[in-house]
Amino acid sequence: MEKIPNLSAQEKQLTFEEGGHFLNQRQVFSPNDEWVVFDGRNDDSKIGENGNVALLNLESGEIIGVYSNSNQSQFGPGAGAVSYHPLKDEVLFIRGLLNANQGSPYHISRRSAIGLDLTDKQNPNSFHADARDVSAPFTIGALRGGTHAFSYSGDGDWISYTYNDEVLEIGSQSNPEVKDLRTIGVMIANHPVQVDSVNMEAEFGGTHFSVLAARVTPKPKPGSDEIQKAYEECWIGTDGYINSEGKRIKRALVYLGDVIDENGNLVTEIFVSDLPEDPQVLMESPNLKGTRTSLPEVPESIQQRRITFSTDQKFPGIQGPRQWLRSSPNGDRIYFYAKGDDGIVQIFFVSPNGGKPIQVTHLAKSPETMFSLSPDGDWLAFGLDNQVLVASVASGEFFTFGSAGDGTSELCNINWSHSGDRLVYNRKVASESGSYFQVFELKPFN
């Protein structure tokens, strides 16, 4: 039965404590939609200064603290950007290294993925998901830097992330030919990695085996498909997608990649990495350790290709608010922001097999937040003028909820529930002691 927007629906504030209640940009709902997970930030950029993770019960309003850094300071370790496993009571979040201090604070290359088993929410068990080894000769399956922005695959067995390499970052300080380039990778569950280390706060084993999944180069050839940065990825489909040859690719990532056009301009395009179905193929690949001057190699079994070619358009490239790409549930569409010919940012989609992008929305004004796609793939939600807009994928028609703000409220981090019947998101709410990110809920359908 087709859902009908309820234009009289009102948003509901769910948290009220004076302090940050910051949602991740995706995967904040527990599998049964009973809980959402958040961190204690009151500023998107302040992961290093926050040490708390908590759960909010959507029915009772109960808040349970599930993690807290015992040695948190303004320099770290830091914690935040929490994702909920799609099928079980487990969350994953960024945590800086425990040896963070003024001289070595929280940093993009000094962080990792910490998981919490929430089977007993009053007594969660924590674990390192990604292994880390920054001492040569390094360890196969471990990383040498920092991971970020974790996303569970549809079955929860693989986790994607963005990555920065500390070994190359340090090397770049004395060798200008060495560059730490942001890229993406995957962690594979149930394949633990052990690391021999004398500094367990900076080097440690993990429950998952990690490999990089996008090839980056410091100096892309102008006009080529080489990229110097890969980022803001998502999994394609809940069970992959059908490629141009009619074959199901069970696991694939789509992400943004920065290319250099023929005139030397940087343009952001969309790329796909098809992954082999058998994880053993990845784990047995050569050169996964990397060297002091090179990243761990992307396995040859990972097929990387470009699917958008916009350099000749009036407004080339991916544009608009910071965005993570979104995929339809069956994997046939990749949604993204770009400018239409009138210069206004709109939502488009393109097939993971490439082809001409299709414009979905026809807004008179550019959106102000990242967008979210409903789990059935039928609706998009985003923010404009501090209001929540819900748009039909089929028609592009959109519906606006709430009154236009006065410019003082901050709306962000819109997430759909697994059932697709509600949205949660952040707004800043003023109080006597300051202005704090609170969690709000909206049920947009009859």
Protein backbone atom coordinates (compact mmCIF):
# COMPACT_ATOMS: atom_id res chain seq x y z
CA MET A 1 0.00 0.00 0.00
CA GLU A 2 1.44 3.36 -1.03
CA LYS A 3 2.31 5.64 1.83
CA ILE A 4 0.56 8.99 1.99
CA PRO A 5 2.35 11.94 3.60
CA ASN A 6 0.54 13.40 6.58
CA LEU A 7 1.08 17.13 6.19
CA SER A 8 -0.21 17.79 9.69
CA ALA A 9 2.44 15.56 11.27
CA GLN A 10 4.41 17.37 13.95
CA GLU A 11 7.98 16.74 15.01
CA LYS A 12 8.57 15.63 18.60
CA GLN A 13 11.58 16.48 20.72
CA LEU A 14 12.95 13.34 22.40
CA THR A 15 15.96 14.56 24.41
CA PHE A 16 16.17 17.53 26.76
CA GLU A 17 19.36 17.28 28.82
CA GLU A 18 21.78 20.18 28.47
CA GLY A 19 24.51 18.57 26.41
CA GLY A 20 25.09 17.24 22.93
CA HIS A 21 23.06 14.32 21.53
CA PHE A 22 24.72 13.92 18.13
CA LEU A 23 23.45 11.34 15.66
CA ASN A 24 25.52 9.70 12.96
CA GLN A 25 24.55 10.44 9.35
CA ARG A 26 23.30 6.84 8.86
CA GLN A 27 22.55 3.57 10.68
CA VAL A 28 21.50 4.98 14.07
CA PHE A 29 18.47 2.69 14.65
CA SER A 30 18.62 -0.64 16.46
CA PRO A 31 17.35 -3.58 14.35
CA ASN A 32 13.90 -3.44 15.98
CA ASP A 33 13.69 0.39 15.86
CA GLU A 34 13.43 0.49 19.65
CA TRP A 35 16.66 2.43 20.24
CA VAL A 36 18.80 5.03 18.53
CA VAL A 37 22.47 5.53 19.32
CA PHE A 38 24.21 8.90 19.63
CA ASP A 39 27.40 10.47 20.94
CA GLY A 40 27.86 13.45 23.23
CA ARG A 41 29.17 15.96 20.70
CA ASN A 42 27.69 19.40 20.44
CA ASP A 43 29.78 20.24 17.37
CA ASP A 44 30.27 17.99 14.34
CA SER A 45 34.03 18.59 14.30
CA LYS A 46 34.65 17.85 17.99
CA ILE A 47 34.94 14.05 18.06
CA GLY A 48 38.32 14.39 19.78
CA GLU A 49 36.76 16.30 22.69
CA ASN A 50 33.84 13.92 23.31
CA GLY A 51 34.16 10.69 25.24
CA ASN A 52 30.59 9.42 25.56
CA VAL A 53 28.22 7.14 23.64
CA ALA A 54 24.61 6.51 24.69
CA LEU A 55 21.32 4.90 23.66
CA LEU A 56 17.89 6.55 23.57
CA ASN A 57 14.73 4.47 23.89
CA LEU A 58 12.22 5.93 21.43
CA GLU A 59 9.16 4.91 23.41
CA SER A 60 10.13 5.56 27.03
CA GLY A 61 12.69 8.31 26.49
CA GLU A 62 15.17 6.39 28.68
CA ILE A 63 18.83 7.18 28.02
CA ILE A 64 21.51 4.59 28.80
CA GLY A 65 25.18 5.50 28.71
CA VAL A 66 27.01 2.59 27.08
CA TYR A 67 30.54 3.95 26.74
CA SER A 68 32.73 6.61 28.31
CA ASN A 69 36.45 7.36 27.94
CA SER A 70 37.96 7.34 31.43
CA ASN A 71 40.85 9.63 30.45
CA GLN A 72 39.04 12.05 28.14
CA SER A 73 40.54 15.53 27.68
CA GLN A 74 40.41 18.27 25.06
CA PHE A 75 43.19 16.40 23.23
CA GLY A 76 41.43 13.03 23.08
CA PRO A 77 41.07 10.12 22.92
CA GLY A 78 37.63 11.14 21.57
CA ALA A 79 34.63 9.05 20.56
CA GLY A 80 31.77 9.51 18.11
CA ALA A 81 29.99 8.82 14.80
CA VAL A 82 28.21 5.67 15.99
CA SER A 83 26.65 3.10 13.63
CA TYR A 84 24.19 0.37 14.69
CA HIS A 85 24.49 -3.17 13.30
CA PRO A 86 21.48 -3.91 11.04
CA LEU A 87 20.72 -7.33 12.54
CA LYS A 88 22.00 -7.50 16.12
CA ASP A 89 22.68 -5.44 19.24
CA GLU A 90 26.09 -4.10 18.29
CA VAL A 91 27.38 -0.63 17.56
CA LEU A 92 30.62 0.66 16.10
CA PHE A 93 32.20 4.08 16.58
CA ILE A 94 35.37 6.08 16.11
CA ARG A 95 37.73 6.27 19.05
CA GLY A 96 41.05 8.05 19.08
CA LEU A 97 44.16 6.34 20.43
CA LEU A 98 44.20 5.99 24.19
CA ASN A 99 47.65 7.59 24.42
CA ALA A 100 46.30 10.90 23.07
CA ASN A 101 47.86 13.96 24.69
CA GLN A 102 48.73 17.55 23.88
CA GLY A 103 51.71 16.51 21.78
CA SER A 104 49.83 13.70 20.00
CA PRO A 105 46.13 14.61 20.03
CA TYR A 106 43.18 12.95 18.35
CA HIS A 107 43.82 13.03 14.61
CA ILE A 108 42.48 11.55 11.39
CA SER A 109 45.37 9.07 11.22
CA ARG A 110 45.23 8.22 14.96
CA ARG A 111 41.85 6.58 15.49
CA SER A 112 40.16 3.20 15.09
CA ALA A 113 36.86 1.33 15.18
CA ILE A 114 35.58 0.32 18.60
CA GLY A 115 32.65 -2.06 18.79
CA LEU A 116 30.21 -2.60 21.65
CA ASP A 117 28.28 -5.82 22.18
CA LEU A 118 25.00 -4.50 23.61
CA THR A 119 23.37 -7.83 24.41
CA ASP A 120 23.46 -6.60 28.02
CA LYS A 121 22.99 -2.86 27.63
CA GLN A 122 23.84 -2.20 31.26
CA ASN A 123 27.20 -3.96 30.88
CA PRO A 124 28.38 -3.67 27.26
CA ASN A 125 31.49 -5.48 26.09
CA SER A 126 33.89 -3.44 23.95
CA PHE A 127 36.28 -4.71 21.29
CA HIS A 128 38.68 -3.44 18.64
CA ALA A 129 37.23 -4.12 15.20
CA ASP A 130 40.18 -3.00 13.05
CA ALA A 131 43.72 -4.05 13.92
CA ARG A 132 46.48 -1.40 13.88
CA ASP A 133 50.24 -1.77 13.35
CA VAL A 134 52.45 1.23 12.53
CA SER A 135 55.79 -0.53 13.05
CA ALA A 136 57.59 -2.09 10.07
CA PRO A 137 57.34 -4.72 8.72
CA PHE A 138 53.63 -4.23 9.59
CA THR A 139 50.93 -6.93 9.78
CA ILE A 140 48.72 -8.37 7.06
CA GLY A 141 45.09 -7.47 7.74
CA ALA A 142 46.00 -4.59 10.04
CA LEU A 143 46.01 -0.90 9.13
CA ARG A 144 48.68 1.72 9.72
CA GLY A 145 46.54 4.76 10.47
CA GLY A 146 43.01 5.85 11.27
CA THR A 147 39.54 4.71 10.18
CA HIS A 148 36.35 6.74 10.11
CA ALA A 149 32.65 6.81 9.09
CA PHE A 150 31.83 3.13 9.47
CA SER A 151 28.99 1.50 7.54
CA TYR A 152 27.71 -2.06 7.97
CA SER A 153 26.85 -4.08 4.87
CA GLY A 154 23.30 -5.41 4.58
CA ASP A 155 24.17 -8.62 6.42
CA GLY A 156 26.47 -6.79 8.87
CA ASP A 157 29.45 -9.05 8.10
CA TRP A 158 31.50 -6.41 6.28
CA ILE A 159 32.18 -2.84 7.34
CA SER A 160 33.28 -0.01 5.09
CA TYR A 161 35.31 2.99 6.23
CA THR A 162 37.41 5.92 5.08
CA TYR A 163 41.10 5.80 5.93
CA ASN A 164 44.18 7.96 6.47
CA ASP A 165 47.64 6.43 6.84
CA GLU A 166 49.87 7.60 9.72
CA VAL A 167 53.00 5.94 8.33
CA LEU A 168 52.73 7.95 5.11
CA GLU A 169 51.70 11.09 6.97
CA ILE A 170 54.90 10.93 9.04
CA GLY A 171 56.94 10.08 5.94
CA SER A 172 55.56 13.08 4.05
CA GLN A 173 57.15 15.42 6.57
CA SER A 174 60.63 14.54 5.31
CA ASN A 175 59.88 13.29 1.78
CA PRO A 176 57.67 15.49 -0.46
CA GLU A 177 57.10 12.52 -2.79
CA VAL A 178 55.21 10.68 -0.05
CA LYS A 179 51.53 11.61 0.39
CA ASP A 180 48.86 10.47 2.81
CA LEU A 181 45.80 10.25 0.56
CA ARG A 182 42.33 9.57 1.95
CA THR A 183 40.89 6.34 0.63
CA ILE A 184 38.32 3.70 1.57
CA GLY A 185 38.47 0.11 2.72
CA VAL A 186 36.56 -2.81 4.19
CA MET A 187 36.75 -4.87 7.37
CA ILE A 188 35.67 -8.51 7.23
CA ALA A 189 34.07 -10.03 10.35
CA ASN A 190 35.08 -13.34 11.91
CA HIS A 191 38.66 -13.10 10.66
CA PRO A 192 40.62 -11.77 13.63
CA VAL A 193 44.06 -10.25 13.25
CA GLN A 194 46.75 -10.41 15.92
CA VAL A 195 49.43 -7.75 16.26
CA ASP A 196 52.66 -8.13 18.21
CA SER A 197 53.32 -4.78 19.86
CA VAL A 198 55.06 -3.16 22.78
CA ASN A 199 52.63 -0.22 22.69
CA MET A 200 49.13 -1.60 23.00
CA GLU A 201 47.59 1.89 23.14
CA ALA A 202 48.75 2.59 19.57
CA GLU A 203 49.03 -0.92 18.10
CA PHE A 204 46.54 -3.71 18.70
CA GLY A 205 44.76 -6.67 17.18
CA GLY A 206 41.19 -6.66 15.96
CA THR A 207 38.19 -8.89 15.33
CA HIS A 208 38.09 -7.99 11.62
CA PHE A 209 40.52 -8.33 8.70
CA SER A 210 41.06 -5.02 6.84
CA VAL A 211 41.96 -4.26 3.23
CA LEU A 212 41.84 -1.07 1.18
CA ALA A 213 39.29 -0.95 -1.63
CA ALA A 214 40.03 2.13 -3.79
CA ARG A 215 43.22 2.96 -5.70
CA VAL A 216 44.42 6.53 -5.21
CA THR A 217 47.42 8.35 -6.67
CA PRO A 218 49.09 11.62 -5.64
CA LYS A 219 49.21 13.00 -9.18
CA PRO A 220 46.28 11.81 -11.31
CA LYS A 221 46.80 12.12 -15.04
CA PRO A 222 44.59 14.98 -16.35
CA GLY A 223 41.55 13.65 -18.19
CA SER A 224 42.00 10.12 -16.78
CA ASP A 225 39.99 8.03 -14.32
CA GLU A 226 42.79 8.15 -11.75
CA ILE A 227 41.74 9.62 -8.41
CA GLN A 228 43.67 11.36 -5.65
CA LYS A 229 41.04 10.89 -2.96
CA ALA A 230 38.26 8.35 -2.31
CA TYR A 231 35.61 9.08 0.32
CA GLU A 232 31.93 9.19 1.48
CA GLU A 233 31.22 5.61 0.39
CA CYS A 234 28.18 3.39 0.82
CA TRP A 235 27.32 -0.25 0.14
CA ILE A 236 25.43 -0.90 -3.08
CA GLY A 237 22.12 -2.60 -2.28
CA THR A 238 21.30 -4.73 0.73
CA ASP A 239 22.45 -7.75 -1.30
CA GLY A 240 24.54 -6.15 -4.02
CA TYR A 241 23.36 -5.37 -7.56
CA ILE A 242 23.05 -6.83 -11.07
CA ASN A 243 25.92 -5.76 -13.33
CA SER A 244 25.77 -4.99 -17.05
CA GLU A 245 26.36 -8.68 -17.85
CA GLY A 246 23.40 -9.82 -15.75
CA LYS A 247 25.56 -11.18 -12.92
CA ARG A 248 24.83 -10.43 -9.29
CA ILE A 249 27.72 -8.69 -7.56
CA LYS A 250 27.08 -9.50 -3.92
CA ARG A 251 29.37 -6.87 -2.44
CA ALA A 252 30.27 -3.52 -3.92
CA LEU A 253 31.02 -0.02 -2.72
CA VAL A 254 30.20 3.26 -4.40
CA TYR A 255 32.10 6.40 -3.41
CA LEU A 256 33.25 9.85 -4.38
CA GLY A 257 36.56 10.19 -6.19
CA ASP A 258 38.44 13.38 -7.05
CA VAL A 259 39.76 13.43 -10.62
CA ILE A 260 41.65 16.07 -12.58
CA ASP A 261 40.00 17.14 -15.82
CA GLU A 262 41.86 17.92 -19.04
CA ASN A 263 42.17 21.57 -18.01
CA GLY A 264 43.72 20.71 -14.66
CA ASN A 265 40.58 21.33 -12.58
CA LEU A 266 39.61 19.07 -9.71
CA VAL A 267 36.19 17.45 -10.24
CA THR A 268 34.42 15.01 -7.92
CA GLU A 269 32.91 12.00 -9.71
CA ILE A 270 31.35 8.70 -8.61
CA PHE A 271 33.26 5.41 -8.62
CA VAL A 272 32.40 1.77 -7.89
CA SER A 273 34.58 -0.98 -6.44
CA ASP A 274 33.27 -4.51 -7.02
CA LEU A 275 34.51 -6.90 -4.33
CA PRO A 276 34.99 -10.66 -4.66
CA GLU A 277 32.32 -12.67 -2.87
CA ASP A 278 34.86 -14.96 -1.22
CA PRO A 279 36.74 -12.98 1.47
CA GLN A 280 39.62 -15.45 1.28
CA VAL A 281 40.48 -14.05 -2.14
CA LEU A 282 41.08 -10.66 -0.55
CA MET A 283 42.90 -11.94 2.50
CA GLU A 284 45.37 -13.97 0.42
CA SER A 285 46.26 -11.05 -1.84
CA PRO A 286 49.92 -9.95 -1.94
CA ASN A 287 51.37 -6.68 -0.64
CA LEU A 288 48.64 -5.99 1.92
CA LYS A 289 51.18 -4.65 4.42
CA GLY A 290 52.37 -1.64 2.43
CA THR A 291 55.76 -0.01 2.95
CA ARG A 292 57.07 3.13 4.62
CA THR A 293 56.48 5.02 1.38
CA SER A 294 53.39 3.28 -0.06
CA LEU A 295 49.91 2.32 1.04
CA PRO A 296 48.87 -1.30 1.45
CA GLU A 297 47.93 -2.41 -2.06
CA VAL A 298 44.33 -2.75 -3.18
CA PRO A 299 43.85 -6.42 -4.15
CA GLU A 300 43.75 -7.03 -7.90
CA SER A 301 40.44 -8.88 -7.42
CA ILE A 302 38.76 -5.54 -6.60
CA GLN A 303 37.46 -3.99 -9.83
CA GLN A 304 37.40 -0.19 -9.71
CA ARG A 305 35.58 1.92 -12.30
CA ARG A 306 34.10 5.35 -12.83
CA ILE A 307 30.34 5.69 -13.41
CA THR A 308 29.83 9.46 -13.85
CA PHE A 309 31.48 11.67 -16.45
CA SER A 310 30.38 15.24 -15.84
CA THR A 311 33.41 17.34 -16.77
CA ASP A 312 31.68 18.77 -19.87
CA GLN A 313 28.54 19.85 -17.99
CA LYS A 314 27.70 23.44 -17.09
CA PHE A 315 28.23 22.59 -13.39
CA PRO A 316 30.50 19.55 -13.37
CA GLY A 317 30.94 17.11 -10.53
CA ILE A 318 29.17 16.21 -7.31
CA GLN A 319 28.12 19.40 -5.52
CA GLY A 320 26.05 20.56 -2.56
CA PRO A 321 26.19 19.90 1.18
CA ARG A 322 28.64 17.30 2.39
CA GLN A 323 27.07 14.01 1.41
CA TRP A 324 27.47 10.29 1.69
CA LEU A 325 26.12 8.48 -1.34
CA ARG A 326 22.97 6.39 -0.94
CA SER A 327 21.93 3.21 -2.75
CA SER A 328 18.48 1.84 -3.48
CA PRO A 329 17.76 -1.44 -1.64
CA ASN A 330 18.10 -3.56 -4.79
CA GLY A 331 21.23 -1.69 -5.82
CA ASP A 332 19.98 -0.37 -9.18
CA ARG A 333 20.28 3.33 -8.26
CA ILE A 334 22.95 5.48 -6.67
CA TYR A 335 21.65 8.81 -5.33
CA PHE A 336 23.73 11.97 -5.09
CA TYR A 337 23.63 15.77 -5.03
CA ALA A 338 24.67 17.82 -8.06
CA LYS A 339 23.72 21.15 -9.58
CA GLY A 340 21.09 21.34 -12.29
CA ASP A 341 21.55 23.64 -15.26
CA ASP A 342 20.00 26.47 -13.22
CA GLY A 343 22.76 26.18 -10.62
CA ILE A 344 20.46 24.83 -7.89
CA VAL A 345 21.53 21.65 -6.10
CA GLN A 346 19.18 18.74 -6.80
CA ILE A 347 19.08 15.01 -6.08
CA PHE A 348 20.01 12.75 -9.01
CA PHE A 349 20.50 9.03 -9.44
CA VAL A 350 22.70 6.93 -11.72
CA SER A 351 22.97 3.19 -12.30
CA PRO A 352 25.98 1.44 -10.72
CA ASN A 353 26.64 0.29 -14.29
CA GLY A 354 26.95 3.90 -15.44
CA GLY A 355 24.84 5.81 -17.93
CA LYS A 356 23.15 9.17 -17.90
CA PRO A 357 22.17 10.49 -14.44
CA ILE A 358 18.47 11.17 -13.89
CA GLN A 359 17.27 14.23 -11.96
CA VAL A 360 14.78 13.41 -9.18
CA THR A 361 14.01 16.71 -7.46
CA HIS A 362 13.22 20.10 -8.99
CA LEU A 363 13.69 22.44 -6.05
CA ALA A 364 13.67 26.21 -6.20
CA LYS A 365 16.41 26.39 -3.58
CA SER A 366 19.40 24.19 -2.76
CA PRO A 367 19.09 21.77 0.19
CA GLU A 368 21.06 22.54 3.34
CA THR A 369 21.67 19.06 4.78
CA MET A 370 22.77 15.68 3.53
CA PHE A 371 19.86 13.48 2.42
CA SER A 372 18.63 10.08 3.52
CA LEU A 373 16.83 7.36 1.52
CA SER A 374 14.00 5.33 3.05
CA PRO A 375 14.64 1.58 3.43
CA ASP A 376 12.05 0.75 0.76
CA GLY A 377 13.80 3.14 -1.64
CA ASP A 378 10.65 5.19 -2.26
CA TRP A 379 11.33 8.40 -0.31
CA LEU A 380 14.11 10.89 0.25
CA ALA A 381 14.42 13.17 3.27
CA PHE A 382 16.58 16.28 3.63
CA GLY A 383 16.58 19.73 5.22
CA LEU A 384 15.84 23.14 3.73
CA ASP A 385 15.12 26.39 5.60
CA ASN A 386 15.35 24.37 8.82
CA GLN A 387 12.38 22.29 7.72
CA VAL A 388 12.27 18.58 6.90
CA LEU A 389 11.37 17.81 3.29
CA VAL A 390 10.26 14.36 2.18
CA ALA A 391 10.34 13.73 -1.59
CA SER A 392 8.87 10.92 -3.67
CA VAL A 393 11.53 9.11 -5.69
CA ALA A 394 8.95 8.21 -8.34
CA SER A 395 7.57 11.71 -9.00
CA GLY A 396 10.02 14.12 -7.38
CA GLU A 397 7.08 15.72 -5.56
CA PHE A 398 8.10 16.91 -2.13
CA PHE A 399 6.29 17.63 1.11
CA THR A 400 7.42 20.10 3.77
CA PHE A 401 7.01 19.53 7.50
CA GLY A 402 7.11 22.24 10.14
CA SER A 403 7.41 26.00 9.93
CA ALA A 404 10.30 27.80 8.30
CA GLY A 405 12.94 28.65 10.90
CA ASP A 406 14.41 32.03 11.69
CA GLY A 407 17.93 30.90 10.88
CA THR A 408 18.92 30.16 14.49
CA SER A 409 18.07 26.44 14.53
CA GLU A 410 20.44 23.82 13.15
CA LEU A 411 18.98 20.74 11.44
CA CYS A 412 21.16 17.76 10.46
CA ASN A 413 21.72 13.99 10.51
CA ILE A 414 18.34 12.83 9.17
CA ASN A 415 17.88 9.05 9.51
CA TRP A 416 15.04 6.73 8.44
CA SER A 417 13.95 3.90 10.72
CA HIS A 418 14.16 0.32 9.41
CA SER A 419 10.35 0.24 9.16
CA GLY A 420 10.38 3.46 7.15
CA ASP A 421 7.61 5.02 9.24
CA ARG A 422 9.69 7.58 11.14
CA LEU A 423 12.64 9.91 10.92
CA VAL A 424 15.02 10.97 13.65
CA TYR A 425 17.37 13.92 13.33
CA ASN A 426 19.21 16.63 15.22
CA ARG A 427 18.28 20.22 15.94
CA LYS A 428 20.03 22.66 18.20
CA VAL A 429 17.78 23.92 20.97
CA ALA A 430 18.58 26.97 23.11
CA SER A 431 18.53 26.73 26.89
CA GLU A 432 19.67 28.91 29.77
CA SER A 433 23.20 27.53 29.66
CA GLY A 434 23.63 27.38 25.89
CA SER A 435 22.42 25.76 22.69
CA TYR A 436 22.55 21.96 22.41
CA PHE A 437 21.94 19.32 19.77
CA GLN A 438 18.80 17.41 20.69
CA VAL A 439 17.15 14.41 19.04
CA PHE A 440 13.81 14.92 17.29
CA GLU A 441 11.37 12.49 15.71
CA LEU A 442 8.92 12.86 12.83
CA LYS A 443 6.37 10.34 11.57
CA PRO A 444 5.67 11.74 8.09
CA PHE A 445 2.99 9.29 6.87
CA ASN A 446 -0.62 8.58 7.74
